[in-house]
């Protein structure tokens, strides 16, 4: 039988343990990931926020700036600065939405598509390292658990 660590992860518990607090563990993993991925991305001249935008647009475009901000988990004012910087770098372009001219949509330029391809090449070995040792079932379960944590926060 597995020990129930949930009470030990409750911050109000007198027996609280960091190693039983999922958000500490998630933040620790995400922080370490960001340190490692940032050095890889720097080699090709982009940062983590730009990489997020490239990956999001690589999956679907055009998207409104608001949709990109939501997907990237970046507040709108920060996203506007990222979009401005990426536009100046020639990675993306913005155009008024055909459906609503007040909304700006974001698209990858050819340079952005090439940078995305470069980013995928330099980040793939890290991804392989991260998932090493996970079975397909474990990986699927991890994704489902992360989705459930997110949904519980909504």
C-alpha atoms as a PDB file:
ATOM      1  CA  UNK A   1       0.000   0.000   0.000  1.00  0.00           C
ATOM      2  CA  UNK A   2       1.253   3.477  -0.905  1.00  0.00           C
ATOM      3  CA  UNK A   3       1.664   6.042   1.873  1.00  0.00           C
ATOM      4  CA  UNK A   4      -0.777   8.946   1.529  1.00  0.00           C
ATOM      5  CA  UNK A   5       1.502  11.988   1.238  1.00  0.00           C
ATOM      6  CA  UNK A   6      -1.327  14.422   0.496  1.00  0.00           C
ATOM      7  CA  UNK A   7      -1.667  15.611   4.128  1.00  0.00           C
ATOM      8  CA  UNK A   8       2.093  16.245   4.273  1.00  0.00           C
ATOM      9  CA  UNK A   9       1.856  18.491   1.214  1.00  0.00           C
ATOM     10  CA  UNK A  10      -0.756  20.710   2.833  1.00  0.00           C
ATOM     11  CA  UNK A  11       0.992  23.969   3.806  1.00  0.00           C
ATOM     12  CA  UNK A  12      -1.129  24.201   6.981  1.00  0.00           C
ATOM     13  CA  UNK A  13       0.106  20.850   8.264  1.00  0.00           C
ATOM     14  CA  UNK A  14       2.503  20.853  11.187  1.00  0.00           C
ATOM     15  CA  UNK A  15       4.172  17.913   9.414  1.00  0.00           C
ATOM     16  CA  UNK A  16       4.464  19.772   6.086  1.00  0.00           C
ATOM     17  CA  UNK A  17       7.219  18.486   3.794  1.00  0.00           C
ATOM     18  CA  UNK A  18       8.442  20.218   0.638  1.00  0.00           C
ATOM     19  CA  UNK A  19       8.982  16.867  -1.051  1.00  0.00           C
ATOM     20  CA  UNK A  20       5.236  16.199  -0.690  1.00  0.00           C
ATOM     21  CA  UNK A  21       4.164  19.598  -2.035  1.00  0.00           C
ATOM     22  CA  UNK A  22       3.491  19.202  -5.771  1.00  0.00           C
ATOM     23  CA  UNK A  23       3.882  22.877  -6.616  1.00  0.00           C
ATOM     24  CA  UNK A  24       7.337  23.035  -5.075  1.00  0.00           C
ATOM     25  CA  UNK A  25       8.335  20.013  -7.149  1.00  0.00           C
ATOM     26  CA  UNK A  26       6.745  21.445 -10.313  1.00  0.00           C
ATOM     27  CA  UNK A  27       8.449  24.793  -9.806  1.00  0.00           C
ATOM     28  CA  UNK A  28      11.795  23.128  -9.102  1.00  0.00           C
ATOM     29  CA  UNK A  29      11.542  21.060 -12.297  1.00  0.00           C
ATOM     30  CA  UNK A  30      10.354  24.034 -14.387  1.00  0.00           C
ATOM     31  CA  UNK A  31      13.104  26.293 -13.020  1.00  0.00           C
ATOM     32  CA  UNK A  32      15.794  23.737 -13.774  1.00  0.00           C
ATOM     33  CA  UNK A  33      14.329  23.161 -17.241  1.00  0.00           C
ATOM     34  CA  UNK A  34      14.333  26.912 -17.939  1.00  0.00           C
ATOM     35  CA  UNK A  35      17.984  27.258 -16.938  1.00  0.00           C
ATOM     36  CA  UNK A  36      19.031  24.425 -19.229  1.00  0.00           C
ATOM     37  CA  UNK A  37      16.785  25.299 -22.182  1.00  0.00           C
ATOM     38  CA  UNK A  38      17.727  28.976 -22.012  1.00  0.00           C
ATOM     39  CA  UNK A  39      21.402  28.208 -22.632  1.00  0.00           C
ATOM     40  CA  UNK A  40      20.470  26.100 -25.676  1.00  0.00           C
ATOM     41  CA  UNK A  41      18.177  28.794 -27.083  1.00  0.00           C
ATOM     42  CA  UNK A  42      20.748  31.530 -26.509  1.00  0.00           C
ATOM     43  CA  UNK A  43      23.046  29.697 -28.945  1.00  0.00           C
ATOM     44  CA  UNK A  44      20.559  30.429 -31.742  1.00  0.00           C
ATOM     45  CA  UNK A  45      19.749  33.957 -30.603  1.00  0.00           C
ATOM     46  CA  UNK A  46      16.351  33.637 -28.946  1.00  0.00           C
ATOM     47  CA  UNK A  47      15.022  33.571 -25.403  1.00  0.00           C
ATOM     48  CA  UNK A  48      12.376  31.418 -23.707  1.00  0.00           C
ATOM     49  CA  UNK A  49       9.414  33.767 -24.332  1.00  0.00           C
ATOM     50  CA  UNK A  50      10.257  33.992 -28.053  1.00  0.00           C
ATOM     51  CA  UNK A  51      10.619  30.216 -28.179  1.00  0.00           C
ATOM     52  CA  UNK A  52       7.185  29.794 -26.614  1.00  0.00           C
ATOM     53  CA  UNK A  53       5.641  32.108 -29.204  1.00  0.00           C
ATOM     54  CA  UNK A  54       7.418  30.312 -32.052  1.00  0.00           C
ATOM     55  CA  UNK A  55       6.254  26.897 -30.789  1.00  0.00           C
ATOM     56  CA  UNK A  56       2.666  28.083 -30.345  1.00  0.00           C
ATOM     57  CA  UNK A  57       2.533  29.609 -33.824  1.00  0.00           C
ATOM     58  CA  UNK A  58       4.253  26.539 -35.241  1.00  0.00           C
ATOM     59  CA  UNK A  59       1.227  24.541 -34.134  1.00  0.00           C
ATOM     60  CA  UNK A  60      -1.505  26.950 -35.281  1.00  0.00           C
ATOM     61  CA  UNK A  61      -1.571  30.334 -36.967  1.00  0.00           C
ATOM     62  CA  UNK A  62      -2.730  32.993 -37.345  1.00  0.00           C
ATOM     63  CA  UNK A  63      -3.625  33.536 -33.695  1.00  0.00           C
ATOM     64  CA  UNK A  64      -4.662  36.690 -31.925  1.00  0.00           C
ATOM     65  CA  UNK A  65      -2.125  38.205 -29.575  1.00  0.00           C
ATOM     66  CA  UNK A  66      -4.510  37.343 -26.724  1.00  0.00           C
ATOM     67  CA  UNK A  67      -4.603  33.681 -27.769  1.00  0.00           C
ATOM     68  CA  UNK A  68      -0.811  33.574 -27.925  1.00  0.00           C
ATOM     69  CA  UNK A  69      -0.537  35.200 -24.485  1.00  0.00           C
ATOM     70  CA  UNK A  70      -2.983  32.701 -22.978  1.00  0.00           C
ATOM     71  CA  UNK A  71      -1.227  29.703 -24.543  1.00  0.00           C
ATOM     72  CA  UNK A  72       2.189  30.985 -23.475  1.00  0.00           C
ATOM     73  CA  UNK A  73       0.932  31.737 -19.947  1.00  0.00           C
ATOM     74  CA  UNK A  74       2.257  35.290 -20.233  1.00  0.00           C
ATOM     75  CA  UNK A  75       0.265  38.379 -19.283  1.00  0.00           C
ATOM     76  CA  UNK A  76      -0.943  40.570 -22.102  1.00  0.00           C
ATOM     77  CA  UNK A  77       1.274  43.606 -21.448  1.00  0.00           C
ATOM     78  CA  UNK A  78       4.384  41.431 -21.366  1.00  0.00           C
ATOM     79  CA  UNK A  79       3.235  39.593 -24.486  1.00  0.00           C
ATOM     80  CA  UNK A  80       2.816  42.897 -26.315  1.00  0.00           C
ATOM     81  CA  UNK A  81       6.491  43.715 -25.629  1.00  0.00           C
ATOM     82  CA  UNK A  82       7.543  40.222 -26.759  1.00  0.00           C
ATOM     83  CA  UNK A  83       5.495  40.573 -29.961  1.00  0.00           C
ATOM     84  CA  UNK A  84       7.039  43.987 -30.626  1.00  0.00           C
ATOM     85  CA  UNK A  85      10.567  42.626 -30.106  1.00  0.00           C
ATOM     86  CA  UNK A  86       9.934  39.565 -32.289  1.00  0.00           C
ATOM     87  CA  UNK A  87       8.405  41.712 -35.032  1.00  0.00           C
ATOM     88  CA  UNK A  88      11.499  43.945 -35.051  1.00  0.00           C
ATOM     89  CA  UNK A  89      13.652  40.814 -35.272  1.00  0.00           C
ATOM     90  CA  UNK A  90      11.663  39.680 -38.327  1.00  0.00           C
ATOM     91  CA  UNK A  91      10.410  36.478 -36.667  1.00  0.00           C
ATOM     92  CA  UNK A  92       6.705  37.299 -36.790  1.00  0.00           C
ATOM     93  CA  UNK A  93       4.304  39.739 -38.373  1.00  0.00           C
ATOM     94  CA  UNK A  94       1.000  41.075 -37.140  1.00  0.00           C
ATOM     95  CA  UNK A  95      -2.037  41.884 -39.216  1.00  0.00           C
ATOM     96  CA  UNK A  96      -5.559  43.030 -38.391  1.00  0.00           C
ATOM     97  CA  UNK A  97      -8.015  40.150 -38.105  1.00  0.00           C
ATOM     98  CA  UNK A  98     -10.366  39.827 -41.063  1.00  0.00           C
ATOM     99  CA  UNK A  99     -13.187  38.999 -38.637  1.00  0.00           C
ATOM    100  CA  UNK A 100     -12.495  41.927 -36.268  1.00  0.00           C
ATOM    101  CA  UNK A 101     -10.156  44.690 -37.352  1.00  0.00           C
ATOM    102  CA  UNK A 102      -9.540  45.689 -33.716  1.00  0.00           C
ATOM    103  CA  UNK A 103      -7.811  42.338 -33.116  1.00  0.00           C
ATOM    104  CA  UNK A 104      -4.248  41.786 -34.276  1.00  0.00           C
ATOM    105  CA  UNK A 105      -3.285  38.329 -35.440  1.00  0.00           C
ATOM    106  CA  UNK A 106       0.237  36.967 -35.315  1.00  0.00           C
ATOM    107  CA  UNK A 107       1.930  34.863 -38.010  1.00  0.00           C
ATOM    108  CA  UNK A 108       5.409  33.420 -38.441  1.00  0.00           C
ATOM    109  CA  UNK A 109       7.580  34.955 -41.135  1.00  0.00           C
ATOM    110  CA  UNK A 110       9.912  32.778 -43.189  1.00  0.00           C
ATOM    111  CA  UNK A 111      12.709  33.851 -40.826  1.00  0.00           C
ATOM    112  CA  UNK A 112      10.499  32.842 -37.877  1.00  0.00           C
ATOM    113  CA  UNK A 113       9.834  29.445 -39.432  1.00  0.00           C
ATOM    114  CA  UNK A 114      13.571  28.921 -39.913  1.00  0.00           C
ATOM    115  CA  UNK A 115      14.274  29.988 -36.312  1.00  0.00           C
ATOM    116  CA  UNK A 116      11.567  27.603 -35.095  1.00  0.00           C
ATOM    117  CA  UNK A 117      13.249  24.770 -37.025  1.00  0.00           C
ATOM    118  CA  UNK A 118      16.584  25.696 -35.400  1.00  0.00           C
ATOM    119  CA  UNK A 119      14.949  25.816 -31.954  1.00  0.00           C
ATOM    120  CA  UNK A 120      13.416  22.393 -32.425  1.00  0.00           C
ATOM    121  CA  UNK A 121      16.821  20.982 -33.340  1.00  0.00           C
ATOM    122  CA  UNK A 122      18.610  22.436 -30.298  1.00  0.00           C
ATOM    123  CA  UNK A 123      15.838  21.580 -27.815  1.00  0.00           C
ATOM    124  CA  UNK A 124      15.145  18.019 -29.007  1.00  0.00           C
ATOM    125  CA  UNK A 125      18.125  16.432 -27.198  1.00  0.00           C
ATOM    126  CA  UNK A 126      16.995  17.995 -23.919  1.00  0.00           C
ATOM    127  CA  UNK A 127      13.476  16.681 -24.430  1.00  0.00           C
ATOM    128  CA  UNK A 128      14.895  13.205 -25.071  1.00  0.00           C
ATOM    129  CA  UNK A 129      16.959  13.473 -21.880  1.00  0.00           C
ATOM    130  CA  UNK A 130      13.957  14.615 -19.835  1.00  0.00           C
ATOM    131  CA  UNK A 131      11.648  11.782 -20.885  1.00  0.00           C
ATOM    132  CA  UNK A 132      14.338   9.093 -20.759  1.00  0.00           C
ATOM    133  CA  UNK A 133      13.197   6.185 -18.628  1.00  0.00           C
ATOM    134  CA  UNK A 134       9.489   7.036 -18.788  1.00  0.00           C
ATOM    135  CA  UNK A 135       7.305   4.360 -20.328  1.00  0.00           C
ATOM    136  CA  UNK A 136       4.596   5.449 -22.735  1.00  0.00           C
ATOM    137  CA  UNK A 137       2.020   4.770 -20.004  1.00  0.00           C
ATOM    138  CA  UNK A 138       3.944   6.781 -17.385  1.00  0.00           C
ATOM    139  CA  UNK A 139       4.341   9.680 -19.786  1.00  0.00           C
ATOM    140  CA  UNK A 140       0.634   9.650 -20.629  1.00  0.00           C
ATOM    141  CA  UNK A 141      -0.269   9.457 -16.930  1.00  0.00           C
ATOM    142  CA  UNK A 142       2.030  12.384 -16.139  1.00  0.00           C
ATOM    143  CA  UNK A 143       0.334  14.518 -18.808  1.00  0.00           C
ATOM    144  CA  UNK A 144      -3.097  13.573 -17.486  1.00  0.00           C
ATOM    145  CA  UNK A 145      -2.094  14.423 -13.916  1.00  0.00           C
ATOM    146  CA  UNK A 146      -0.690  17.803 -14.962  1.00  0.00           C
ATOM    147  CA  UNK A 147      -3.921  18.543 -16.853  1.00  0.00           C
ATOM    148  CA  UNK A 148      -5.960  17.578 -13.785  1.00  0.00           C
ATOM    149  CA  UNK A 149      -3.867  19.858 -11.556  1.00  0.00           C
ATOM    150  CA  UNK A 150      -4.440  22.700 -14.017  1.00  0.00           C
ATOM    151  CA  UNK A 151      -8.171  21.988 -14.251  1.00  0.00           C
ATOM    152  CA  UNK A 152      -8.466  21.931 -10.438  1.00  0.00           C
ATOM    153  CA  UNK A 153      -6.957  25.432 -10.379  1.00  0.00           C
ATOM    154  CA  UNK A 154      -9.508  26.797 -12.865  1.00  0.00           C
END
